[in-house]
Amino acid sequence: KVLTIAAWLLVGGAGFAVAEGEDPYRELSPDYLQQFRVEGAKTFVLERFDAEGRLAARSVEKLEGEVEIGGPVERTIAGKRFTLRGLDACPTEKVVYNRVQSWSCADAARDYAEAVYNRRASVILCKTLVLTTAAGETTPASCFVLVGGNGEPFKTVNDDDSMVFLGLASIGRTQDGRSRRPDLEASQSLSRSMGFQNAD
């Protein structure tokens, strides 16, 4: 069940334009996410950007009920289905999880993401393009989660980066071999160097 705090806000004007060379999908600071935090509640924010990287619309909702974790790259939040942008699930069947344990990739992804989204989160913010998704299809997005409080410092969990770093997802490629997520290549290289994948 979702209780709407604010309906869709159409955001106009140059004040919301992203600076030249700045990535609209960049990782968000805890301070940015805290502006949506409501004590005792969990908030879901969806930001939509146009082709020029300008913020075109934002919705803010109070979220009741759990986020559904369909695997490393699948999230259902407030009844909306998302896939983590530009990522492919489970490059290997087994991974090293909790430092030394061998887990199935899908089980490790659910364990990690459920802890972040359903037990630690106070704000969930996903970014996507302004587009119309056909019935039954998922929306590509990048998602960020505010965790902390109650004596712990606030910090941002970058879901996309976490799945890649933990070896639970890999970066997709275009037909001509280009990276769909050049911003996450360093995390993928580090993950491979640490041997999180191929835990057999």
N, C-alpha and C. Protein backbone atom coordinates (compact mmCIF):
# COMPACT_ATOMS: atom_id res chain seq x y z
N LYS A 1 0.86 -1.19 0.00
CA LYS A 1 0.00 0.00 0.00
C LYS A 1 0.89 1.24 0.00
N VAL A 2 0.56 2.20 -0.85
CA VAL A 2 1.36 3.41 -0.95
C VAL A 2 0.49 4.62 -0.68
N LEU A 3 0.91 5.46 0.20
CA LEU A 3 0.19 6.70 0.48
C LEU A 3 0.93 7.84 -0.19
N THR A 4 0.26 8.55 -1.06
CA THR A 4 0.92 9.62 -1.80
C THR A 4 1.12 10.84 -0.93
N ILE A 5 2.35 11.31 -0.83
CA ILE A 5 2.65 12.56 -0.14
C ILE A 5 2.56 13.72 -1.13
N ALA A 6 3.17 13.53 -2.29
CA ALA A 6 3.15 14.56 -3.31
C ALA A 6 2.92 13.91 -4.66
N ALA A 7 2.03 14.50 -5.44
CA ALA A 7 1.76 13.96 -6.76
C ALA A 7 2.92 14.31 -7.69
N TRP A 8 2.80 13.87 -8.97
CA TRP A 8 3.84 14.20 -9.94
C TRP A 8 4.03 15.71 -9.99
N LEU A 9 5.26 16.13 -9.92
CA LEU A 9 5.60 17.54 -10.03
C LEU A 9 6.35 17.73 -11.33
N LEU A 10 5.78 18.50 -12.25
CA LEU A 10 6.49 18.81 -13.48
C LEU A 10 7.47 19.93 -13.17
N VAL A 11 8.72 19.65 -13.44
CA VAL A 11 9.78 20.57 -13.03
C VAL A 11 10.26 21.32 -14.25
N GLY A 12 10.08 22.62 -14.27
CA GLY A 12 10.52 23.41 -15.41
C GLY A 12 11.57 24.42 -15.01
N GLY A 13 12.16 25.04 -16.04
CA GLY A 13 13.11 26.11 -15.77
C GLY A 13 14.54 25.62 -15.78
N ALA A 14 15.42 26.53 -16.09
CA ALA A 14 16.84 26.18 -16.21
C ALA A 14 17.47 25.87 -14.87
N GLY A 15 16.81 26.24 -13.79
CA GLY A 15 17.39 26.00 -12.48
C GLY A 15 17.61 24.54 -12.18
N PHE A 16 16.88 23.65 -12.87
CA PHE A 16 17.02 22.23 -12.64
C PHE A 16 17.90 21.56 -13.67
N ALA A 17 18.48 22.33 -14.60
CA ALA A 17 19.35 21.74 -15.61
C ALA A 17 20.63 21.22 -14.98
N VAL A 18 21.11 20.11 -15.48
CA VAL A 18 22.36 19.54 -14.99
C VAL A 18 23.52 20.29 -15.63
N ALA A 19 24.54 20.59 -14.85
CA ALA A 19 25.69 21.31 -15.38
C ALA A 19 26.35 20.52 -16.49
N GLU A 20 26.96 21.24 -17.42
CA GLU A 20 27.60 20.59 -18.56
C GLU A 20 28.65 19.59 -18.09
N GLY A 21 28.60 18.38 -18.62
CA GLY A 21 29.56 17.35 -18.25
C GLY A 21 29.19 16.60 -16.98
N GLU A 22 28.11 17.02 -16.32
CA GLU A 22 27.69 16.37 -15.07
C GLU A 22 26.71 15.25 -15.38
N ASP A 23 26.88 14.11 -14.72
CA ASP A 23 26.05 12.94 -14.98
C ASP A 23 24.78 13.03 -14.16
N PRO A 24 23.60 13.05 -14.81
CA PRO A 24 22.36 13.12 -14.02
C PRO A 24 22.15 11.88 -13.16
N TYR A 25 22.87 10.78 -13.47
CA TYR A 25 22.73 9.55 -12.70
C TYR A 25 23.82 9.41 -11.64
N ARG A 26 24.57 10.46 -11.40
CA ARG A 26 25.67 10.38 -10.44
C ARG A 26 25.16 9.96 -9.07
N GLU A 27 26.06 9.40 -8.26
CA GLU A 27 25.66 8.97 -6.92
C GLU A 27 25.24 10.17 -6.08
N LEU A 28 24.17 10.01 -5.34
CA LEU A 28 23.61 11.10 -4.56
C LEU A 28 24.22 11.14 -3.17
N SER A 29 24.38 12.33 -2.65
CA SER A 29 24.93 12.47 -1.30
C SER A 29 23.85 12.17 -0.27
N PRO A 30 24.25 11.76 0.94
CA PRO A 30 23.27 11.58 2.01
C PRO A 30 22.47 12.85 2.29
N ASP A 31 23.12 14.02 2.17
CA ASP A 31 22.41 15.28 2.42
C ASP A 31 21.26 15.46 1.44
N TYR A 32 21.49 15.10 0.17
CA TYR A 32 20.42 15.23 -0.82
C TYR A 32 19.24 14.32 -0.47
N LEU A 33 19.55 13.09 -0.11
CA LEU A 33 18.49 12.13 0.20
C LEU A 33 17.74 12.49 1.49
N GLN A 34 18.45 13.11 2.44
CA GLN A 34 17.82 13.41 3.72
C GLN A 34 16.69 14.44 3.60
N GLN A 35 16.67 15.24 2.52
CA GLN A 35 15.60 16.22 2.37
C GLN A 35 14.24 15.53 2.19
N PHE A 36 14.25 14.24 1.82
CA PHE A 36 13.00 13.50 1.64
C PHE A 36 12.68 12.60 2.84
N ARG A 37 13.53 12.61 3.84
CA ARG A 37 13.37 11.71 4.97
C ARG A 37 12.25 12.19 5.88
N VAL A 38 11.39 11.25 6.28
CA VAL A 38 10.32 11.52 7.23
C VAL A 38 10.49 10.57 8.41
N GLU A 39 10.58 11.12 9.59
CA GLU A 39 10.80 10.30 10.78
C GLU A 39 9.70 9.26 10.92
N GLY A 40 10.11 8.01 11.12
CA GLY A 40 9.16 6.94 11.34
C GLY A 40 8.50 6.40 10.09
N ALA A 41 8.95 6.84 8.92
CA ALA A 41 8.36 6.38 7.67
C ALA A 41 9.47 6.08 6.67
N LYS A 42 9.10 5.38 5.60
CA LYS A 42 10.01 5.12 4.50
C LYS A 42 9.47 5.85 3.27
N THR A 43 10.33 6.59 2.61
CA THR A 43 9.93 7.42 1.49
C THR A 43 10.52 6.88 0.19
N PHE A 44 9.69 6.86 -0.87
CA PHE A 44 10.15 6.48 -2.20
C PHE A 44 10.05 7.69 -3.11
N VAL A 45 11.17 8.02 -3.74
CA VAL A 45 11.26 9.16 -4.66
C VAL A 45 11.62 8.63 -6.04
N LEU A 46 10.89 9.07 -7.05
CA LEU A 46 11.21 8.71 -8.43
C LEU A 46 11.47 10.00 -9.21
N GLU A 47 12.69 10.13 -9.73
CA GLU A 47 13.06 11.29 -10.53
C GLU A 47 13.21 10.86 -11.99
N ARG A 48 12.60 11.64 -12.88
CA ARG A 48 12.66 11.36 -14.31
C ARG A 48 13.40 12.49 -15.02
N PHE A 49 14.31 12.11 -15.92
CA PHE A 49 15.15 13.07 -16.63
C PHE A 49 14.85 13.02 -18.12
N ASP A 50 15.00 14.18 -18.78
CA ASP A 50 14.81 14.20 -20.23
C ASP A 50 16.12 13.83 -20.93
N ALA A 51 16.10 13.82 -22.26
CA ALA A 51 17.26 13.37 -23.03
C ALA A 51 18.47 14.28 -22.85
N GLU A 52 18.24 15.52 -22.40
CA GLU A 52 19.36 16.45 -22.17
C GLU A 52 19.88 16.37 -20.74
N GLY A 53 19.33 15.47 -19.94
CA GLY A 53 19.80 15.32 -18.56
C GLY A 53 19.17 16.29 -17.59
N ARG A 54 18.06 16.90 -17.99
CA ARG A 54 17.37 17.82 -17.07
C ARG A 54 16.29 17.07 -16.30
N LEU A 55 16.15 17.41 -15.03
CA LEU A 55 15.10 16.82 -14.21
C LEU A 55 13.76 17.32 -14.71
N ALA A 56 12.91 16.38 -15.18
CA ALA A 56 11.63 16.74 -15.78
C ALA A 56 10.46 16.52 -14.83
N ALA A 57 10.56 15.53 -13.95
CA ALA A 57 9.45 15.22 -13.05
C ALA A 57 9.96 14.48 -11.83
N ARG A 58 9.25 14.68 -10.73
CA ARG A 58 9.61 13.98 -9.49
C ARG A 58 8.33 13.59 -8.77
N SER A 59 8.28 12.35 -8.27
CA SER A 59 7.18 11.95 -7.39
C SER A 59 7.76 11.56 -6.05
N VAL A 60 7.02 11.83 -4.99
CA VAL A 60 7.44 11.49 -3.62
C VAL A 60 6.29 10.76 -2.95
N GLU A 61 6.55 9.56 -2.45
CA GLU A 61 5.49 8.75 -1.84
C GLU A 61 5.97 8.16 -0.52
N LYS A 62 5.03 8.02 0.40
CA LYS A 62 5.28 7.25 1.61
C LYS A 62 5.05 5.78 1.28
N LEU A 63 6.06 4.97 1.54
CA LEU A 63 6.02 3.57 1.14
C LEU A 63 5.65 2.69 2.32
N GLU A 64 4.59 1.91 2.14
CA GLU A 64 4.21 0.91 3.14
C GLU A 64 4.27 -0.46 2.48
N GLY A 65 4.81 -1.42 3.21
CA GLY A 65 5.04 -2.72 2.60
C GLY A 65 6.48 -2.81 2.13
N GLU A 66 6.89 -4.01 1.76
CA GLU A 66 8.29 -4.26 1.44
C GLU A 66 8.58 -4.08 -0.04
N VAL A 67 9.84 -3.77 -0.32
CA VAL A 67 10.34 -3.79 -1.70
C VAL A 67 10.55 -5.24 -2.10
N GLU A 68 10.08 -5.62 -3.26
CA GLU A 68 10.27 -6.98 -3.76
C GLU A 68 11.58 -7.05 -4.54
N ILE A 69 12.39 -8.02 -4.16
CA ILE A 69 13.70 -8.22 -4.80
C ILE A 69 13.59 -9.44 -5.70
N GLY A 70 13.57 -9.24 -6.99
CA GLY A 70 13.42 -10.35 -7.93
C GLY A 70 14.72 -11.02 -8.29
N GLY A 71 15.83 -10.46 -7.87
CA GLY A 71 17.16 -10.98 -8.21
C GLY A 71 18.14 -9.83 -8.17
N PRO A 72 19.33 -9.98 -8.73
CA PRO A 72 20.34 -8.93 -8.64
C PRO A 72 19.94 -7.59 -9.27
N VAL A 73 19.11 -7.60 -10.32
CA VAL A 73 18.82 -6.36 -11.02
C VAL A 73 17.32 -6.03 -11.07
N GLU A 74 16.49 -6.77 -10.36
CA GLU A 74 15.04 -6.57 -10.44
C GLU A 74 14.50 -6.08 -9.10
N ARG A 75 13.78 -4.95 -9.15
CA ARG A 75 13.19 -4.37 -7.96
C ARG A 75 11.74 -3.98 -8.26
N THR A 76 10.83 -4.27 -7.35
CA THR A 76 9.46 -3.77 -7.45
C THR A 76 9.23 -2.87 -6.25
N ILE A 77 9.02 -1.59 -6.52
CA ILE A 77 8.90 -0.58 -5.47
C ILE A 77 7.61 0.19 -5.69
N ALA A 78 6.75 0.20 -4.70
CA ALA A 78 5.47 0.90 -4.80
C ALA A 78 4.68 0.45 -6.02
N GLY A 79 4.76 -0.83 -6.31
CA GLY A 79 4.02 -1.39 -7.44
C GLY A 79 4.65 -1.14 -8.79
N LYS A 80 5.79 -0.45 -8.83
CA LYS A 80 6.48 -0.17 -10.08
C LYS A 80 7.66 -1.12 -10.23
N ARG A 81 7.82 -1.69 -11.40
CA ARG A 81 8.88 -2.66 -11.66
C ARG A 81 10.07 -1.97 -12.33
N PHE A 82 11.25 -2.18 -11.73
CA PHE A 82 12.48 -1.58 -12.25
C PHE A 82 13.54 -2.65 -12.49
N THR A 83 14.40 -2.37 -13.46
CA THR A 83 15.64 -3.13 -13.61
C THR A 83 16.80 -2.14 -13.47
N LEU A 84 17.86 -2.56 -12.81
CA LEU A 84 19.01 -1.68 -12.65
C LEU A 84 19.64 -1.43 -14.01
N ARG A 85 19.82 -0.18 -14.33
CA ARG A 85 20.16 0.32 -15.66
C ARG A 85 21.48 -0.25 -16.19
N GLY A 86 21.41 -0.92 -17.35
CA GLY A 86 22.61 -1.35 -18.04
C GLY A 86 23.32 -2.54 -17.44
N LEU A 87 22.66 -3.27 -16.52
CA LEU A 87 23.31 -4.39 -15.85
C LEU A 87 22.65 -5.72 -16.21
N ASP A 88 23.45 -6.78 -16.22
CA ASP A 88 22.99 -8.15 -16.44
C ASP A 88 23.16 -8.94 -15.15
N ALA A 89 22.17 -9.76 -14.83
CA ALA A 89 22.19 -10.50 -13.56
C ALA A 89 23.10 -11.72 -13.62
N CYS A 90 23.74 -11.99 -12.50
CA CYS A 90 24.44 -13.25 -12.24
C CYS A 90 25.39 -13.69 -13.35
N PRO A 91 26.55 -13.03 -13.44
CA PRO A 91 27.54 -13.49 -14.41
C PRO A 91 28.07 -14.89 -14.10
N THR A 92 27.99 -15.32 -12.84
CA THR A 92 28.32 -16.69 -12.46
C THR A 92 27.24 -17.21 -11.53
N GLU A 93 27.07 -18.52 -11.49
CA GLU A 93 26.01 -19.12 -10.67
C GLU A 93 26.31 -19.02 -9.19
N LYS A 94 27.58 -19.15 -8.81
CA LYS A 94 27.99 -19.09 -7.41
C LYS A 94 28.89 -17.88 -7.18
N VAL A 95 28.78 -17.30 -5.99
CA VAL A 95 29.61 -16.16 -5.61
C VAL A 95 30.13 -16.37 -4.19
N VAL A 96 31.19 -15.64 -3.86
CA VAL A 96 31.67 -15.57 -2.48
C VAL A 96 30.92 -14.43 -1.80
N TYR A 97 30.19 -14.76 -0.74
CA TYR A 97 29.35 -13.78 -0.05
C TYR A 97 29.62 -13.87 1.44
N ASN A 98 29.48 -12.75 2.14
CA ASN A 98 29.88 -12.70 3.56
C ASN A 98 31.32 -13.12 3.74
N ARG A 99 32.14 -12.69 2.79
CA ARG A 99 33.60 -12.83 2.78
C ARG A 99 34.10 -14.23 2.46
N VAL A 100 33.48 -15.26 3.03
CA VAL A 100 34.05 -16.60 2.85
C VAL A 100 33.04 -17.64 2.39
N GLN A 101 31.74 -17.33 2.45
CA GLN A 101 30.73 -18.34 2.17
C GLN A 101 30.42 -18.41 0.68
N SER A 102 30.16 -19.61 0.20
CA SER A 102 29.72 -19.81 -1.18
C SER A 102 28.19 -19.80 -1.23
N TRP A 103 27.63 -18.85 -1.99
CA TRP A 103 26.18 -18.70 -2.11
C TRP A 103 25.79 -18.76 -3.57
N SER A 104 24.54 -19.13 -3.84
CA SER A 104 24.05 -18.92 -5.19
C SER A 104 23.93 -17.41 -5.41
N CYS A 105 24.20 -16.99 -6.63
CA CYS A 105 24.17 -15.55 -6.94
C CYS A 105 22.82 -14.95 -6.61
N ALA A 106 21.74 -15.60 -7.02
CA ALA A 106 20.40 -15.05 -6.79
C ALA A 106 20.08 -14.93 -5.30
N ASP A 107 20.45 -15.93 -4.50
CA ASP A 107 20.17 -15.89 -3.07
C ASP A 107 20.97 -14.80 -2.38
N ALA A 108 22.23 -14.64 -2.78
CA ALA A 108 23.06 -13.60 -2.18
C ALA A 108 22.50 -12.21 -2.50
N ALA A 109 22.04 -12.03 -3.74
CA ALA A 109 21.49 -10.73 -4.12
C ALA A 109 20.24 -10.41 -3.30
N ARG A 110 19.38 -11.40 -3.11
CA ARG A 110 18.16 -11.16 -2.32
C ARG A 110 18.50 -10.86 -0.86
N ASP A 111 19.45 -11.60 -0.30
CA ASP A 111 19.83 -11.39 1.09
C ASP A 111 20.36 -9.98 1.30
N TYR A 112 21.25 -9.55 0.41
CA TYR A 112 21.86 -8.22 0.55
C TYR A 112 20.82 -7.12 0.31
N ALA A 113 20.09 -7.21 -0.81
CA ALA A 113 19.18 -6.13 -1.18
C ALA A 113 18.00 -6.03 -0.21
N GLU A 114 17.50 -7.17 0.29
CA GLU A 114 16.41 -7.10 1.25
C GLU A 114 16.84 -6.42 2.55
N ALA A 115 18.07 -6.66 2.97
CA ALA A 115 18.57 -5.99 4.17
C ALA A 115 18.63 -4.48 3.96
N VAL A 116 19.11 -4.06 2.79
CA VAL A 116 19.23 -2.62 2.51
C VAL A 116 17.86 -1.97 2.37
N TYR A 117 17.03 -2.51 1.51
CA TYR A 117 15.75 -1.89 1.19
C TYR A 117 14.70 -2.04 2.29
N ASN A 118 14.64 -3.22 2.89
CA ASN A 118 13.52 -3.52 3.78
C ASN A 118 13.84 -3.40 5.27
N ARG A 119 15.11 -3.38 5.64
CA ARG A 119 15.46 -3.28 7.05
C ARG A 119 16.24 -2.03 7.41
N ARG A 120 16.92 -1.42 6.45
CA ARG A 120 17.78 -0.29 6.78
C ARG A 120 17.36 1.03 6.14
N ALA A 121 16.60 0.98 5.06
CA ALA A 121 16.32 2.18 4.28
C ALA A 121 15.34 3.12 4.97
N SER A 122 15.58 4.43 4.84
CA SER A 122 14.56 5.42 5.19
C SER A 122 14.12 6.20 3.95
N VAL A 123 14.99 6.30 2.96
CA VAL A 123 14.65 6.93 1.68
C VAL A 123 15.18 6.05 0.55
N ILE A 124 14.35 5.80 -0.45
CA ILE A 124 14.75 5.11 -1.67
C ILE A 124 14.50 6.06 -2.81
N LEU A 125 15.52 6.35 -3.60
CA LEU A 125 15.37 7.25 -4.74
C LEU A 125 15.87 6.55 -6.00
N CYS A 126 15.03 6.46 -7.01
CA CYS A 126 15.41 5.88 -8.29
C CYS A 126 15.34 6.95 -9.36
N LYS A 127 16.30 6.90 -10.30
CA LYS A 127 16.37 7.85 -11.41
C LYS A 127 16.16 7.11 -12.71
N THR A 128 15.37 7.71 -13.60
CA THR A 128 15.13 7.09 -14.89
C THR A 128 14.85 8.19 -15.91
N LEU A 129 14.71 7.79 -17.17
CA LEU A 129 14.36 8.74 -18.22
C LEU A 129 12.85 8.92 -18.28
N VAL A 130 12.43 10.03 -18.85
CA VAL A 130 11.02 10.24 -19.11
C VAL A 130 10.64 9.37 -20.30
N LEU A 131 9.95 8.30 -20.04
CA LEU A 131 9.54 7.39 -21.10
C LEU A 131 8.29 6.66 -20.68
N THR A 132 7.62 6.12 -21.66
CA THR A 132 6.41 5.34 -21.40
C THR A 132 6.74 3.87 -21.53
N THR A 133 6.52 3.11 -20.47
CA THR A 133 6.82 1.68 -20.47
C THR A 133 5.58 0.89 -20.85
N ALA A 134 5.73 -0.04 -21.78
CA ALA A 134 4.60 -0.87 -22.18
C ALA A 134 4.15 -1.73 -21.01
N ALA A 135 2.89 -2.12 -21.03
CA ALA A 135 2.33 -2.94 -19.96
C ALA A 135 3.15 -4.21 -19.79
N GLY A 136 3.52 -4.50 -18.54
CA GLY A 136 4.28 -5.71 -18.25
C GLY A 136 5.77 -5.55 -18.35
N GLU A 137 6.25 -4.43 -18.88
CA GLU A 137 7.69 -4.21 -19.00
C GLU A 137 8.21 -3.48 -17.76
N THR A 138 9.52 -3.63 -17.55
CA THR A 138 10.16 -2.94 -16.44
C THR A 138 10.82 -1.66 -16.92
N THR A 139 11.07 -0.75 -16.00
CA THR A 139 11.70 0.53 -16.32
C THR A 139 13.16 0.50 -15.90
N PRO A 140 14.10 0.78 -16.81
CA PRO A 140 15.51 0.86 -16.41
C PRO A 140 15.73 2.06 -15.49
N ALA A 141 16.44 1.84 -14.40
CA ALA A 141 16.65 2.91 -13.43
C ALA A 141 17.95 2.68 -12.67
N SER A 142 18.44 3.76 -12.06
CA SER A 142 19.52 3.67 -11.08
C SER A 142 18.93 4.03 -9.73
N CYS A 143 19.20 3.21 -8.71
CA CYS A 143 18.56 3.41 -7.41
C CYS A 143 19.58 3.65 -6.31
N PHE A 144 19.21 4.55 -5.40
CA PHE A 144 20.07 4.94 -4.29
C PHE A 144 19.24 4.89 -3.00
N VAL A 145 19.86 4.43 -1.93
CA VAL A 145 19.13 4.19 -0.69
C VAL A 145 19.85 4.91 0.46
N LEU A 146 19.08 5.66 1.23
CA LEU A 146 19.62 6.31 2.43
C LEU A 146 19.49 5.36 3.61
N VAL A 147 20.63 5.03 4.23
CA VAL A 147 20.63 4.21 5.43
C VAL A 147 21.32 4.98 6.54
N GLY A 148 21.10 4.54 7.78
CA GLY A 148 21.71 5.21 8.93
C GLY A 148 20.64 5.83 9.82
N GLY A 149 21.07 6.66 10.73
CA GLY A 149 20.18 7.23 11.73
C GLY A 149 20.21 6.43 13.01
N ASN A 150 19.51 6.88 14.03
CA ASN A 150 19.50 6.22 15.34
C ASN A 150 20.92 6.03 15.88
N GLY A 151 21.69 7.09 15.77
CA GLY A 151 23.06 7.05 16.28
C GLY A 151 24.10 6.67 15.24
N GLU A 152 23.70 6.17 14.09
CA GLU A 152 24.63 5.83 13.02
C GLU A 152 24.68 6.95 12.00
N PRO A 153 25.84 7.19 11.40
CA PRO A 153 25.90 8.24 10.37
C PRO A 153 25.09 7.83 9.14
N PHE A 154 24.50 8.82 8.50
CA PHE A 154 23.77 8.55 7.27
C PHE A 154 24.75 8.30 6.14
N LYS A 155 24.40 7.37 5.27
CA LYS A 155 25.21 7.15 4.08
C LYS A 155 24.32 6.67 2.95
N THR A 156 24.83 6.82 1.74
CA THR A 156 24.12 6.40 0.54
C THR A 156 24.60 5.04 0.09
N VAL A 157 23.66 4.12 -0.14
CA VAL A 157 23.97 2.84 -0.77
C VAL A 157 23.60 2.96 -2.24
N ASN A 158 24.58 2.81 -3.10
CA ASN A 158 24.38 2.83 -4.55
C ASN A 158 24.08 1.39 -4.99
N ASP A 159 22.82 1.09 -5.26
CA ASP A 159 22.42 -0.28 -5.56
C ASP A 159 23.14 -0.81 -6.79
N ASP A 160 23.23 -0.01 -7.84
CA ASP A 160 23.90 -0.44 -9.07
C ASP A 160 25.35 -0.86 -8.78
N ASP A 161 26.06 0.03 -8.10
CA ASP A 161 27.47 -0.22 -7.81
C ASP A 161 27.63 -1.43 -6.89
N SER A 162 26.75 -1.57 -5.91
CA SER A 162 26.85 -2.68 -4.96
C SER A 162 26.71 -4.02 -5.67
N MET A 163 25.73 -4.13 -6.56
CA MET A 163 25.51 -5.40 -7.26
C MET A 163 26.71 -5.78 -8.13
N VAL A 164 27.31 -4.77 -8.76
CA VAL A 164 28.49 -5.04 -9.60
C VAL A 164 29.69 -5.39 -8.73
N PHE A 165 29.93 -4.61 -7.67
CA PHE A 165 31.09 -4.86 -6.82
C PHE A 165 31.03 -6.23 -6.16
N LEU A 166 29.84 -6.64 -5.74
CA LEU A 166 29.69 -7.94 -5.07
C LEU A 166 29.70 -9.11 -6.05
N GLY A 167 29.82 -8.82 -7.34
CA GLY A 167 29.86 -9.89 -8.33
C GLY A 167 28.51 -10.49 -8.64
N LEU A 168 27.44 -9.77 -8.27
CA LEU A 168 26.09 -10.28 -8.45
C LEU A 168 25.47 -9.83 -9.77
N ALA A 169 26.09 -8.87 -10.41
CA ALA A 169 25.66 -8.38 -11.72
C ALA A 169 26.89 -7.95 -12.49
N SER A 170 26.76 -7.94 -13.80
CA SER A 170 27.86 -7.49 -14.66
C SER A 170 27.35 -6.39 -15.58
N ILE A 171 28.27 -5.63 -16.11
CA ILE A 171 27.93 -4.51 -16.98
C ILE A 171 27.57 -5.04 -18.36
N GLY A 172 26.43 -4.60 -18.87
CA GLY A 172 26.01 -5.00 -20.20
C GLY A 172 26.83 -4.32 -21.27
N ARG A 173 26.75 -4.85 -22.47
CA ARG A 173 27.48 -4.31 -23.62
C ARG A 173 26.52 -4.04 -24.77
N THR A 174 26.83 -3.02 -25.55
CA THR A 174 26.06 -2.75 -26.75
C THR A 174 26.45 -3.75 -27.83
N GLN A 175 25.73 -3.73 -28.94
CA GLN A 175 26.02 -4.65 -30.02
C GLN A 175 27.43 -4.48 -30.57
N ASP A 176 27.96 -3.27 -30.50
CA ASP A 176 29.34 -3.04 -30.97
C ASP A 176 30.37 -3.12 -29.85
N GLY A 177 29.95 -3.67 -28.70
CA GLY A 177 30.90 -3.98 -27.62
C GLY A 177 31.16 -2.86 -26.63
N ARG A 178 30.50 -1.75 -26.75
CA ARG A 178 30.73 -0.65 -25.81
C ARG A 178 30.02 -0.90 -24.47
N SER A 179 30.62 -0.40 -23.40
CA SER A 179 30.06 -0.56 -22.06
C SER A 179 28.78 0.25 -21.90
N ARG A 180 27.77 -0.39 -21.31
CA ARG A 180 26.54 0.35 -20.99
C ARG A 180 26.67 1.14 -19.68
N ARG A 181 27.69 0.85 -18.89
CA ARG A 181 27.89 1.55 -17.62
C ARG A 181 29.37 1.83 -17.40
N PRO A 182 29.97 2.73 -18.19
CA PRO A 182 31.39 3.03 -17.98
C PRO A 182 31.71 3.54 -16.59
N ASP A 183 30.70 4.12 -15.91
CA ASP A 183 30.91 4.63 -14.56
C ASP A 183 31.15 3.52 -13.54
N LEU A 184 30.79 2.27 -13.89
CA LEU A 184 30.95 1.16 -12.96
C LEU A 184 32.07 0.20 -13.34
N GLU A 185 32.83 0.54 -14.38
CA GLU A 185 33.90 -0.37 -14.82
C GLU A 185 34.96 -0.58 -13.74
N ALA A 186 35.28 0.47 -12.98
CA ALA A 186 36.28 0.32 -11.92
C ALA A 186 35.79 -0.65 -10.85
N SER A 187 34.52 -0.57 -10.48
CA SER A 187 33.97 -1.49 -9.48
C SER A 187 33.98 -2.93 -9.99
N GLN A 188 33.69 -3.11 -11.27
CA GLN A 188 33.69 -4.47 -11.82
C GLN A 188 35.10 -5.05 -11.85
N SER A 189 36.09 -4.23 -12.20
CA SER A 189 37.48 -4.70 -12.21
C SER A 189 37.93 -5.07 -10.80
N LEU A 190 37.57 -4.24 -9.82
CA LEU A 190 37.95 -4.53 -8.43
C LEU A 190 37.28 -5.80 -7.95
N SER A 191 36.02 -5.99 -8.29
CA SER A 191 35.29 -7.19 -7.90
C SER A 191 35.98 -8.44 -8.44
N ARG A 192 36.37 -8.40 -9.70
CA ARG A 192 37.02 -9.55 -10.30
C ARG A 192 38.38 -9.82 -9.67
N SER A 193 39.08 -8.75 -9.31
CA SER A 193 40.39 -8.94 -8.69
C SER A 193 40.28 -9.55 -7.30
N MET A 194 39.14 -9.36 -6.65
CA MET A 194 38.93 -9.89 -5.31
C MET A 194 38.32 -11.29 -5.33
N GLY A 195 37.94 -11.78 -6.50
CA GLY A 195 37.52 -13.16 -6.64
C GLY A 195 36.16 -13.46 -6.07
N PHE A 196 35.21 -12.49 -6.16
CA PHE A 196 33.88 -12.75 -5.63
C PHE A 196 33.08 -13.71 -6.48
N GLN A 197 33.41 -13.79 -7.78
CA GLN A 197 32.67 -14.67 -8.68
C GLN A 197 33.33 -16.04 -8.76
N ASN A 198 32.60 -16.98 -9.36
CA ASN A 198 33.12 -18.36 -9.54
C ASN A 198 33.58 -18.96 -8.21
N ALA A 199 32.65 -19.05 -7.27
CA ALA A 199 32.99 -19.49 -5.92
C ALA A 199 33.13 -21.00 -5.78
N ASP A 200 32.95 -21.74 -6.86
CA ASP A 200 33.06 -23.19 -6.77
C ASP A 200 34.47 -23.61 -6.38
